[in-house]
Amino acid sequence: MAELVQMEGIDKRFPGVHALKSVSFDLRAGEVHALMGENGAGKSTLMKILSGVYHPDDGRILIDGAEVALPTPRAAQELGIGIIHQELALMRDLTVAQNIFIGREPRLSFGRLDEDRLNADAAAIFTAMHIPMDPRTPVEGLTIARQQMVEIAKALSHRSRVLIMDEPTAALNDAEIAELFTIIRKLKAEGVGIIYISHKMDEIKRISDRVTVMRDGAYVGTVEAADTPISKIISMMVGRELTDEVAAIPDLSGAEIALEVSHLSRGHELKDISFSLKKGEILGFAGLMGAGRTELARAIFGAEPADHCEIRIHGKPVQIRTPADAVREGIGYLSEDRKHFGLALGMDVRANIAMASLPRYADRLGRINEAELGRVAQDYIQTLSIRTPGDAQEVRLLSGGNQQKVVVAKWLLRDCDILIFDEPTRGIDVGAKAEIYRLLNELAASGKAIIVISSELPEVLRLSQRIAVMCEGRLTGILPGGASQEDIMALATKREGMAAE
């Protein structure tokens, strides 16, 4: 196979960070080349250089054997390089079709926008992807998974010869991943070179031809995917062997009920949902995209208040109309969309960790004890292994996984009794994921009541004492932690009015 891309000796520095250290990488026509490494290893930075977002401090890039300059993303697109970023970059006020063809809109006479053709062209892309999507839908009304599909469609619309996919399946369920892989194989057969960044080992083995591993901004090695055990790839990534420990299931038969939700309903999204959560329990929520899990979490937290709901915390009836009410009642919520709902990207790590707990560090005049905040922030940076030059680093400069850890630290510092984690390991590497699992189990063992929402069934099964399954806004059943994936999928597809088998 001919080499489409060669990156040689790429070096890049940011303030306080040597992000890339003379890294080399190549991509062949008609292959899927996986790029792997822990969060902060430099994968996304390297790909942003290839897509014209960042400029290298040193090194060179060749396309079809000829050295090129990539001063802007448009220059990269004109050379046939498309990228699907890990952090979504859509314009939320525009429609799906407008986002896909932004800057390339079809026009009628006198420069008028051809809305019919715009929507038809977008619909054709979704038809080819086998995804039902109305191109006229505003992006702000879409879930993270649906927004991810729009990003994929946008990249495919450029007919790219080189397609970079940075965590494309982070918010997709198994059926959607299968559809995406079908698209990838079709593109591969047409000679498109695909760079695939993912922390999901099973995906890498299923879809990639070669795997290149980076660690701490440096190149570690390239191996054939088919011939290399997953354990070897993980060892290359983290520089050590990882043990896959599963926590013992505790006996919660006599535990106090920390949270009781009764008859929660909201419009057509949530329909008469009732469940309870005990102290020391991890209750997993599973379901297909659109099942209503995130909507349920946001309703409990007061971000999108329910039309009707009875909530008891430690047996006491409470009214939660806003997130401030929820926090006051001891509920913390880690959103699936950390960029918009979890972080202040322009502020530093210390401020983000402290933002939910600031009154605790203020005197009677409202003056903040910055020294104490700095000490606390450093404690959580070490505890969660947050890769940052220091607590004064702006959060926007951290990798996606390290941003996620900052959100976790924020709610740990608040010391909430009830924690809702929506996709807690989205975009997090295997080493950090193991740390998050350990942390969740330790929190539960200390008496915290935890809800975990995850699109990854193995993750739900590994963490949960019980598993609540949703379908189309309804709670279709609650299973014990030892249930099978087949049991979960049976309930996840049990639509209203279906007869029990």
Protein backbone atom coordinates (compact mmCIF):
# COMPACT_ATOMS: atom_id res chain seq x y z
CA MET A 1 0.00 0.00 0.00
CA ALA A 2 1.27 3.48 -0.93
CA GLU A 3 2.03 5.91 1.87
CA LEU A 4 -0.46 8.77 1.94
CA VAL A 5 1.04 10.59 4.93
CA GLN A 6 4.51 10.76 6.47
CA MET A 7 5.16 12.85 9.57
CA GLU A 8 8.84 13.08 10.48
CA GLY A 9 10.45 14.53 13.62
CA ILE A 10 7.38 16.49 14.71
CA ASP A 11 8.07 18.66 17.76
CA LYS A 12 5.59 20.89 19.61
CA ARG A 13 5.71 22.91 22.82
CA PHE A 14 3.01 24.74 24.76
CA PRO A 15 3.58 26.93 27.85
CA GLY A 16 5.06 24.58 30.44
CA VAL A 17 4.49 21.45 28.32
CA HIS A 18 6.69 19.65 25.78
CA ALA A 19 3.71 18.03 24.03
CA LEU A 20 5.53 16.27 21.16
CA LYS A 21 9.16 15.14 21.12
CA SER A 22 10.39 14.42 17.58
CA VAL A 23 7.46 12.12 16.75
CA SER A 24 7.21 10.20 13.46
CA PHE A 25 4.07 8.59 12.04
CA ASP A 26 2.92 7.28 8.65
CA LEU A 27 -0.39 6.28 7.07
CA ARG A 28 -0.96 4.06 4.04
CA ALA A 29 -3.78 4.20 1.54
CA GLY A 30 -6.58 1.77 2.37
CA GLU A 31 -5.57 1.06 5.98
CA VAL A 32 -6.88 1.82 9.43
CA HIS A 33 -3.93 2.90 11.55
CA ALA A 34 -4.75 3.13 15.26
CA LEU A 35 -2.96 5.80 17.29
CA MET A 36 -2.92 4.98 21.00
CA GLY A 37 -1.58 6.29 24.27
CA GLU A 38 -2.72 7.51 27.66
CA ASN A 39 -4.37 10.91 28.04
CA GLY A 40 -1.71 13.56 27.57
CA ALA A 41 0.47 11.26 25.44
CA GLY A 42 0.22 13.72 22.51
CA LYS A 43 -2.13 11.86 20.14
CA SER A 44 -4.64 14.66 19.65
CA THR A 45 -1.87 17.27 19.38
CA LEU A 46 -0.17 15.28 16.61
CA MET A 47 -3.44 14.98 14.71
CA LYS A 48 -4.25 18.67 15.14
CA ILE A 49 -0.93 19.39 13.46
CA LEU A 50 -1.82 17.08 10.58
CA SER A 51 -5.21 18.79 10.24
CA GLY A 52 -3.80 22.33 10.28
CA VAL A 53 -5.10 23.35 13.71
CA TYR A 54 -1.63 23.60 15.28
CA HIS A 55 1.71 24.38 13.63
CA PRO A 56 4.74 22.21 14.48
CA ASP A 57 7.81 23.81 16.01
CA ASP A 58 10.00 21.37 14.05
CA GLY A 59 9.69 18.45 11.63
CA ARG A 60 8.01 18.00 8.27
CA ILE A 61 4.86 16.52 6.73
CA LEU A 62 4.65 14.74 3.37
CA ILE A 63 1.47 13.93 1.43
CA ASP A 64 1.93 11.42 -1.40
CA GLY A 65 5.68 11.85 -0.94
CA ALA A 66 5.69 15.64 -1.39
CA GLU A 67 6.43 17.97 1.53
CA VAL A 68 3.50 20.25 2.33
CA ALA A 69 2.64 23.17 4.61
CA LEU A 70 -0.64 23.05 6.52
CA PRO A 71 -1.14 26.61 7.81
CA THR A 72 -4.90 26.28 8.34
CA PRO A 73 -7.59 23.60 8.66
CA ARG A 74 -8.93 24.66 5.26
CA ALA A 75 -5.51 24.02 3.70
CA ALA A 76 -5.57 20.52 5.18
CA GLN A 77 -9.10 19.92 3.89
CA GLU A 78 -8.07 21.01 0.39
CA LEU A 79 -5.37 18.32 0.51
CA GLY A 80 -8.01 15.74 1.44
CA ILE A 81 -7.42 15.60 5.21
CA GLY A 82 -10.53 15.48 7.41
CA ILE A 83 -10.75 15.21 11.19
CA ILE A 84 -13.43 14.31 13.71
CA HIS A 85 -12.31 15.93 16.95
CA GLN A 86 -12.74 14.31 20.35
CA GLU A 87 -14.20 17.59 21.63
CA LEU A 88 -17.21 18.41 19.47
CA ALA A 89 -16.83 21.61 17.44
CA LEU A 90 -20.37 22.19 16.21
CA MET A 91 -22.33 25.45 16.09
CA ARG A 92 -25.18 24.70 18.43
CA ASP A 93 -27.55 27.37 17.10
CA LEU A 94 -27.40 26.04 13.52
CA THR A 95 -29.16 23.02 12.07
CA VAL A 96 -27.52 19.69 11.38
CA ALA A 97 -27.31 20.40 7.62
CA GLN A 98 -25.91 23.90 8.15
CA ASN A 99 -23.16 22.48 10.38
CA ILE A 100 -22.21 19.82 7.84
CA PHE A 101 -21.82 22.27 4.96
CA ILE A 102 -20.76 25.40 6.83
CA GLY A 103 -18.82 27.63 4.40
CA ARG A 104 -19.79 25.35 1.45
CA GLU A 105 -23.53 25.99 1.30
CA PRO A 106 -25.24 25.47 -2.08
CA ARG A 107 -26.49 28.75 -3.52
CA LEU A 108 -29.24 29.90 -5.85
CA SER A 109 -29.14 33.00 -8.01
CA PHE A 110 -28.07 36.24 -6.30
CA GLY A 111 -26.31 34.22 -3.60
CA ARG A 112 -29.45 32.96 -1.90
CA LEU A 113 -29.07 29.81 0.21
CA ASP A 114 -30.52 26.70 -1.44
CA GLU A 115 -32.14 25.19 1.68
CA ASP A 116 -33.76 22.31 -0.21
CA ARG A 117 -30.49 21.10 -1.71
CA LEU A 118 -28.62 21.71 1.56
CA ASN A 119 -31.03 19.47 3.47
CA ALA A 120 -31.18 16.88 0.68
CA ASP A 121 -27.37 16.60 0.51
CA ALA A 122 -27.18 16.17 4.29
CA ALA A 123 -29.99 13.61 4.26
CA ALA A 124 -28.12 11.62 1.58
CA ILE A 125 -25.05 11.38 3.83
CA PHE A 126 -27.11 10.09 6.75
CA THR A 127 -28.86 7.61 4.47
CA ALA A 128 -25.47 6.26 3.39
CA MET A 129 -24.52 6.02 7.08
CA HIS A 130 -27.82 4.20 7.84
CA ILE A 131 -28.61 6.76 10.54
CA PRO A 132 -32.08 8.34 10.89
CA MET A 133 -31.47 12.07 11.31
CA ASP A 134 -33.55 15.08 10.30
CA PRO A 135 -31.04 17.54 8.75
CA ARG A 136 -33.27 20.46 9.78
CA THR A 137 -32.86 19.71 13.51
CA PRO A 138 -30.97 22.36 15.54
CA VAL A 139 -27.76 20.88 16.95
CA GLU A 140 -28.44 22.29 20.43
CA GLY A 141 -31.34 19.85 20.78
CA LEU A 142 -29.20 16.76 20.07
CA THR A 143 -27.60 14.41 22.57
CA ILE A 144 -23.83 14.02 22.61
CA ALA A 145 -24.11 10.77 20.64
CA ARG A 146 -26.19 12.46 17.94
CA GLN A 147 -23.78 15.39 17.79
CA GLN A 148 -20.96 12.88 17.29
CA MET A 149 -22.83 11.45 14.29
CA VAL A 150 -23.09 14.97 12.83
CA GLU A 151 -19.32 15.38 13.21
CA ILE A 152 -18.76 12.12 11.35
CA ALA A 153 -21.15 13.17 8.56
CA LYS A 154 -19.38 16.53 8.32
CA ALA A 155 -16.01 14.85 7.83
CA LEU A 156 -17.41 12.40 5.27
CA SER A 157 -18.96 15.28 3.31
CA HIS A 158 -15.46 16.48 2.36
CA ARG A 159 -14.71 13.16 0.59
CA SER A 160 -11.42 13.05 2.46
CA ARG A 161 -8.53 10.79 1.37
CA VAL A 162 -7.18 10.93 4.92
CA LEU A 163 -9.75 10.70 7.71
CA ILE A 164 -8.75 11.24 11.34
CA MET A 165 -11.19 9.87 13.91
CA ASP A 166 -10.46 11.00 17.48
CA GLU A 167 -12.57 8.89 19.86
CA PRO A 168 -15.48 8.63 17.37
CA THR A 169 -17.40 5.99 19.36
CA ALA A 170 -17.08 7.54 22.83
CA ALA A 171 -20.84 8.18 23.07
CA LEU A 172 -22.14 5.51 20.68
CA ASN A 173 -23.88 2.25 21.54
CA ASP A 174 -23.00 -1.14 20.05
CA ALA A 175 -25.44 -0.90 17.13
CA GLU A 176 -24.16 2.58 16.18
CA ILE A 177 -20.55 1.41 16.44
CA ALA A 178 -21.33 -1.48 14.09
CA GLU A 179 -22.78 1.00 11.57
CA LEU A 180 -19.71 3.21 11.88
CA PHE A 181 -17.40 0.24 11.30
CA THR A 182 -19.36 -0.63 8.17
CA ILE A 183 -18.72 2.91 6.92
CA ILE A 184 -15.01 2.67 7.83
CA ARG A 185 -14.59 -0.61 5.96
CA LYS A 186 -16.28 0.87 2.89
CA LEU A 187 -13.96 3.89 2.97
CA LYS A 188 -10.96 1.64 3.47
CA ALA A 189 -11.93 -0.42 0.41
CA GLU A 190 -12.06 2.83 -1.59
CA GLY A 191 -8.45 3.60 -0.64
CA VAL A 192 -9.07 6.11 2.12
CA GLY A 193 -6.46 6.09 4.87
CA ILE A 194 -7.99 6.28 8.35
CA ILE A 195 -6.22 7.29 11.55
CA TYR A 196 -8.23 5.90 14.45
CA ILE A 197 -7.76 7.15 18.01
CA SER A 198 -9.56 5.15 20.68
CA HIS A 199 -9.09 3.82 24.20
CA LYS A 200 -11.37 0.86 23.52
CA MET A 201 -9.12 -2.16 23.01
CA ASP A 202 -11.79 -4.37 21.47
CA GLU A 203 -12.39 -1.75 18.78
CA ILE A 204 -8.69 -1.52 17.95
CA LYS A 205 -8.48 -5.28 17.40
CA ARG A 206 -11.67 -5.31 15.31
CA ILE A 207 -11.01 -2.41 12.97
CA SER A 208 -7.30 -1.52 12.73
CA ASP A 209 -4.44 -2.89 10.62
CA ARG A 210 -1.54 -1.31 12.50
CA VAL A 211 -1.18 0.31 15.91
CA THR A 212 1.23 3.10 16.83
CA VAL A 213 1.70 3.86 20.53
CA MET A 214 2.79 7.16 22.07
CA ARG A 215 3.74 7.88 25.67
CA ASP A 216 4.54 11.25 27.28
CA GLY A 217 4.73 12.99 23.90
CA ALA A 218 7.17 10.50 22.39
CA TYR A 219 6.92 7.66 19.86
CA VAL A 220 7.04 4.20 21.49
CA GLY A 221 6.52 1.80 18.58
CA THR A 222 4.32 0.48 15.77
CA VAL A 223 2.92 -3.08 15.69
CA GLU A 224 0.58 -5.17 13.56
CA ALA A 225 -2.86 -5.21 15.21
CA ALA A 226 -3.68 -8.80 14.32
CA ASP A 227 -0.42 -10.20 15.71
CA THR A 228 -0.16 -8.18 18.93
CA PRO A 229 -1.96 -9.12 22.17
CA ILE A 230 -3.97 -6.41 23.90
CA SER A 231 -1.79 -6.84 27.00
CA LYS A 232 1.28 -5.91 24.94
CA ILE A 233 -0.37 -2.75 23.57
CA ILE A 234 -1.47 -1.70 27.07
CA SER A 235 2.03 -2.28 28.41
CA MET A 236 3.45 -0.09 25.63
CA MET A 237 0.95 2.65 26.53
CA VAL A 238 1.39 2.78 30.29
CA GLY A 239 4.89 1.38 30.69
CA ARG A 240 3.66 -1.20 33.17
CA GLU A 241 1.30 -4.15 33.48
CA LEU A 242 -2.29 -3.43 34.58
CA THR A 243 -4.30 -5.80 36.72
CA ASP A 244 -8.01 -6.12 35.97
CA GLU A 245 -9.37 -6.20 39.51
CA VAL A 246 -13.12 -6.43 40.07
CA ALA A 247 -14.39 -5.24 43.43
CA ALA A 248 -16.34 -7.71 45.57
CA ILE A 249 -20.10 -7.08 45.66
CA PRO A 250 -20.98 -5.78 49.15
CA ASP A 251 -24.00 -6.90 51.16
CA LEU A 252 -26.37 -3.93 51.10
CA SER A 253 -29.48 -5.70 52.35
CA GLY A 254 -29.67 -3.55 55.50
CA ALA A 255 -28.26 -0.33 54.05
CA GLU A 256 -30.10 2.96 54.36
CA ILE A 257 -31.87 4.31 51.26
CA ALA A 258 -30.04 7.50 50.31
CA LEU A 259 -32.18 8.53 47.33
CA GLU A 260 -35.73 7.61 46.42
CA VAL A 261 -37.27 8.83 43.16
CA SER A 262 -41.00 8.28 42.61
CA HIS A 263 -43.14 8.83 39.50
CA LEU A 264 -40.71 11.12 37.71
CA SER A 265 -42.13 12.37 34.41
CA ARG A 266 -41.05 15.08 31.98
CA GLY A 267 -42.89 15.76 28.73
CA HIS A 268 -42.48 12.87 26.29
CA GLU A 269 -38.89 12.19 27.39
CA LEU A 270 -39.43 10.56 30.80
CA LYS A 271 -42.45 8.46 31.77
CA ASP A 272 -43.31 7.64 35.39
CA ILE A 273 -39.88 6.49 36.57
CA SER A 274 -39.39 5.21 40.12
CA PHE A 275 -36.28 3.71 41.76
CA SER A 276 -34.22 3.84 44.95
CA LEU A 277 -30.49 4.06 45.65
CA LYS A 278 -28.82 2.83 48.84
CA LYS A 279 -25.81 4.17 50.69
CA GLY A 280 -22.71 2.33 49.53
CA GLU A 281 -24.36 1.22 46.28
CA ILE A 282 -23.36 1.76 42.67
CA LEU A 283 -26.53 1.67 40.57
CA GLY A 284 -25.80 1.44 36.86
CA PHE A 285 -28.13 2.87 34.21
CA ALA A 286 -28.03 1.19 30.80
CA GLY A 287 -29.98 1.72 27.58
CA LEU A 288 -29.66 2.58 23.93
CA MET A 289 -29.13 6.12 22.67
CA GLY A 290 -32.28 8.16 23.27
CA ALA A 291 -33.46 5.95 26.13
CA GLY A 292 -33.58 8.96 28.45
CA ARG A 293 -30.74 8.20 30.89
CA THR A 294 -29.08 11.63 30.65
CA GLU A 295 -32.46 13.36 30.73
CA LEU A 296 -33.25 11.46 33.94
CA ALA A 297 -29.97 12.51 35.55
CA ARG A 298 -30.51 16.16 34.60
CA ALA A 299 -34.07 16.06 35.96
CA ILE A 300 -32.91 14.69 39.32
CA PHE A 301 -30.17 17.34 39.46
CA GLY A 302 -32.61 20.14 38.62
CA ALA A 303 -30.92 21.09 35.33
CA GLU A 304 -34.11 20.20 33.44
CA PRO A 305 -36.77 19.99 36.19
CA ALA A 306 -39.37 17.24 35.95
CA ASP A 307 -43.06 17.99 35.36
CA HIS A 308 -43.86 15.66 38.24
CA CYS A 309 -41.59 13.94 40.72
CA GLU A 310 -41.31 12.98 44.36
CA ILE A 311 -37.76 12.83 45.70
CA ARG A 312 -36.66 11.73 49.16
CA ILE A 313 -33.08 12.03 50.40
CA HIS A 314 -32.30 9.95 53.48
CA GLY A 315 -36.05 9.59 53.91
CA LYS A 316 -36.79 13.34 53.85
CA PRO A 317 -38.97 14.82 51.05
CA VAL A 318 -37.08 17.51 49.10
CA GLN A 319 -37.85 19.93 46.27
CA ILE A 320 -35.17 20.18 43.56
CA ARG A 321 -35.92 22.89 41.02
CA THR A 322 -32.36 24.00 40.23
CA PRO A 323 -28.83 22.54 40.36
CA ALA A 324 -28.19 24.78 43.37
CA ASP A 325 -31.02 22.97 45.18
CA ALA A 326 -29.46 19.61 44.28
CA VAL A 327 -25.99 20.60 45.48
CA ARG A 328 -27.47 21.94 48.71
CA GLU A 329 -29.14 18.55 49.25
CA GLY A 330 -25.82 16.75 48.75
CA ILE A 331 -26.13 15.68 45.08
CA GLY A 332 -23.24 16.04 42.63
CA TYR A 333 -23.55 15.54 38.87
CA LEU A 334 -20.74 14.83 36.43
CA SER A 335 -22.23 15.60 33.01
CA GLU A 336 -21.48 13.59 29.88
CA ASP A 337 -20.72 16.95 28.21
CA ARG A 338 -17.87 18.24 30.37
CA LYS A 339 -17.05 21.00 27.87
CA HIS A 340 -20.36 22.82 28.26
CA PHE A 341 -21.68 21.71 31.64
CA GLY A 342 -18.71 20.56 33.72
CA LEU A 343 -15.88 23.04 33.29
CA ALA A 344 -15.00 26.71 32.95
CA LEU A 345 -12.46 26.17 30.16
CA GLY A 346 -10.90 29.62 30.43
CA MET A 347 -10.18 29.20 34.15
CA ASP A 348 -7.34 27.28 35.76
CA VAL A 349 -7.34 23.82 37.30
CA ARG A 350 -7.51 25.14 40.85
CA ALA A 351 -10.59 27.28 40.18
CA ASN A 352 -12.40 24.44 38.42
CA ILE A 353 -11.76 22.01 41.25
CA ALA A 354 -12.94 24.54 43.82
CA MET A 355 -15.93 26.10 42.02
CA ALA A 356 -18.60 23.96 43.74
CA SER A 357 -17.02 24.44 47.20
CA LEU A 358 -15.83 28.08 47.27
CA PRO A 359 -17.86 29.21 50.33
CA ARG A 360 -15.93 26.68 52.41
CA TYR A 361 -12.68 28.56 51.65
CA ALA A 362 -13.96 32.12 52.14
CA ASP A 363 -13.86 34.24 55.29
CA ARG A 364 -16.71 36.39 56.58
CA LEU A 365 -15.78 39.15 54.13
CA GLY A 366 -15.84 36.76 51.19
CA ARG A 367 -12.07 36.67 50.72
CA ILE A 368 -10.82 33.35 49.33
CA ASN A 369 -7.96 31.51 51.03
CA GLU A 370 -5.92 30.92 47.86
CA ALA A 371 -3.13 29.10 49.71
CA GLU A 372 -5.55 26.53 51.13
CA LEU A 373 -7.24 26.11 47.75
CA GLY A 374 -3.85 25.52 46.16
CA ARG A 375 -3.02 22.82 48.71
CA VAL A 376 -6.34 21.07 48.16
CA ALA A 377 -6.02 21.27 44.38
CA GLN A 378 -2.55 19.73 44.55
CA ASP A 379 -3.92 16.88 46.68
CA TYR A 380 -6.51 16.01 44.02
CA ILE A 381 -4.03 16.45 41.17
CA GLN A 382 -1.88 13.77 42.84
CA THR A 383 -4.77 11.52 43.93
CA LEU A 384 -6.34 11.42 40.45
CA SER A 385 -3.01 11.60 38.55
CA ILE A 386 -4.12 14.71 36.65
CA ARG A 387 -1.42 15.49 34.10
CA THR A 388 -0.88 19.25 34.30
CA PRO A 389 2.16 21.50 34.80
CA GLY A 390 0.39 22.87 37.89
CA ASP A 391 -2.90 24.03 39.36
CA ALA A 392 -2.55 27.39 37.57
CA GLN A 393 -2.78 25.74 34.12
CA GLU A 394 -5.88 26.66 32.12
CA VAL A 395 -8.20 23.67 31.86
CA ARG A 396 -8.68 24.19 28.11
CA LEU A 397 -5.02 23.22 27.60
CA LEU A 398 -5.43 19.80 29.24
CA SER A 399 -6.24 16.62 27.34
CA GLY A 400 -9.87 15.45 27.34
CA GLY A 401 -9.26 12.72 29.90
CA ASN A 402 -7.48 15.06 32.28
CA GLN A 403 -10.33 17.54 31.95
CA GLN A 404 -12.67 14.72 32.98
CA LYS A 405 -10.56 14.09 36.08
CA VAL A 406 -10.83 17.76 37.04
CA VAL A 407 -14.64 17.47 37.01
CA VAL A 408 -14.41 14.36 39.20
CA ALA A 409 -12.16 16.27 41.60
CA LYS A 410 -14.70 19.12 41.80
CA TRP A 411 -17.43 16.83 43.11
CA LEU A 412 -15.09 14.87 45.37
CA LEU A 413 -14.05 18.12 47.04
CA ARG A 414 -17.72 19.03 47.53
CA ASP A 415 -18.08 15.73 49.42
CA CYS A 416 -21.59 15.00 48.13
CA ASP A 417 -23.49 12.04 49.61
CA ILE A 418 -25.09 11.19 46.26
CA LEU A 419 -23.03 11.26 43.06
CA ILE A 420 -24.34 10.92 39.51
CA PHE A 421 -21.62 10.05 36.97
CA ASP A 422 -22.81 10.33 33.35
CA GLU A 423 -20.28 8.55 31.07
CA PRO A 424 -17.47 8.96 33.67
CA THR A 425 -14.77 7.33 31.52
CA ARG A 426 -15.70 8.88 28.16
CA GLY A 427 -12.45 9.69 26.37
CA ILE A 428 -10.29 8.30 29.17
CA ASP A 429 -7.42 5.88 28.55
CA VAL A 430 -7.12 2.40 30.05
CA GLY A 431 -4.78 3.46 32.84
CA ALA A 432 -6.97 6.39 33.89
CA LYS A 433 -10.10 4.27 33.49
CA ALA A 434 -8.73 1.75 36.00
CA GLU A 435 -8.08 4.65 38.40
CA ILE A 436 -11.67 5.92 38.00
CA TYR A 437 -13.05 2.40 38.63
CA ARG A 438 -10.95 2.11 41.78
CA LEU A 439 -12.07 5.55 42.90
CA LEU A 440 -15.78 4.79 42.37
CA ASN A 441 -15.48 1.57 44.35
CA GLU A 442 -13.66 3.38 47.16
CA LEU A 443 -16.35 6.08 47.25
CA ALA A 444 -19.08 3.44 47.46
CA ALA A 445 -17.18 1.60 50.19
CA SER A 446 -17.05 4.86 52.18
CA GLY A 447 -20.85 5.09 52.06
CA LYS A 448 -21.44 7.29 49.03
CA ALA A 449 -24.52 6.47 46.93
CA ILE A 450 -23.55 6.45 43.26
CA ILE A 451 -25.40 6.37 39.93
CA VAL A 452 -23.27 5.47 36.90
CA ILE A 453 -24.63 6.02 33.40
CA SER A 454 -22.54 4.34 30.70
CA SER A 455 -22.91 3.30 27.07
CA GLU A 456 -20.36 0.53 27.66
CA LEU A 457 -22.14 -2.57 28.96
CA PRO A 458 -18.93 -4.20 30.30
CA GLU A 459 -18.36 -1.04 32.35
CA VAL A 460 -21.90 -1.10 33.77
CA LEU A 461 -21.57 -4.79 34.62
CA ARG A 462 -18.16 -4.34 36.22
CA LEU A 463 -19.15 -1.46 38.49
CA SER A 464 -22.79 -1.96 39.43
CA GLN A 465 -24.48 -3.84 42.25
CA ARG A 466 -27.76 -3.38 40.35
CA ILE A 467 -28.49 -2.26 36.78
CA ALA A 468 -31.50 -0.12 35.86
CA VAL A 469 -32.39 -0.41 32.17
CA MET A 470 -34.29 2.23 30.20
CA CYS A 471 -36.02 2.26 26.82
CA GLU A 472 -37.74 5.25 25.21
CA GLY A 473 -38.03 7.20 28.44
CA ARG A 474 -39.29 4.33 30.59
CA LEU A 475 -37.59 2.21 33.23
CA THR A 476 -38.11 -1.28 31.83
CA GLY A 477 -36.46 -3.24 34.64
CA ILE A 478 -33.77 -3.44 37.31
CA LEU A 479 -31.33 -6.36 37.14
CA PRO A 480 -28.79 -7.71 39.63
CA GLY A 481 -25.13 -6.97 39.01
CA GLY A 482 -24.47 -10.49 37.76
CA ALA A 483 -26.85 -10.09 34.80
CA SER A 484 -25.67 -10.79 31.25
CA GLN A 485 -25.38 -8.34 28.38
CA GLU A 486 -28.21 -10.25 26.70
CA ASP A 487 -30.45 -9.62 29.73
CA ILE A 488 -29.71 -5.91 29.56
CA MET A 489 -30.31 -5.67 25.79
CA ALA A 490 -33.64 -7.49 26.14
CA LEU A 491 -34.85 -4.74 28.48
CA ALA A 492 -33.14 -1.96 26.50
CA THR A 493 -35.22 -2.88 23.44
CA LYS A 494 -38.49 -3.55 25.29
CA ARG A 495 -40.72 -0.83 23.84
CA GLU A 496 -44.00 0.23 25.35
CA GLY A 497 -46.83 -2.15 24.52
CA MET A 498 -44.55 -5.11 23.75
CA ALA A 499 -45.71 -8.36 25.28
CA ALA A 500 -43.39 -10.02 27.76
CA GLU A 501 -41.72 -13.12 26.39
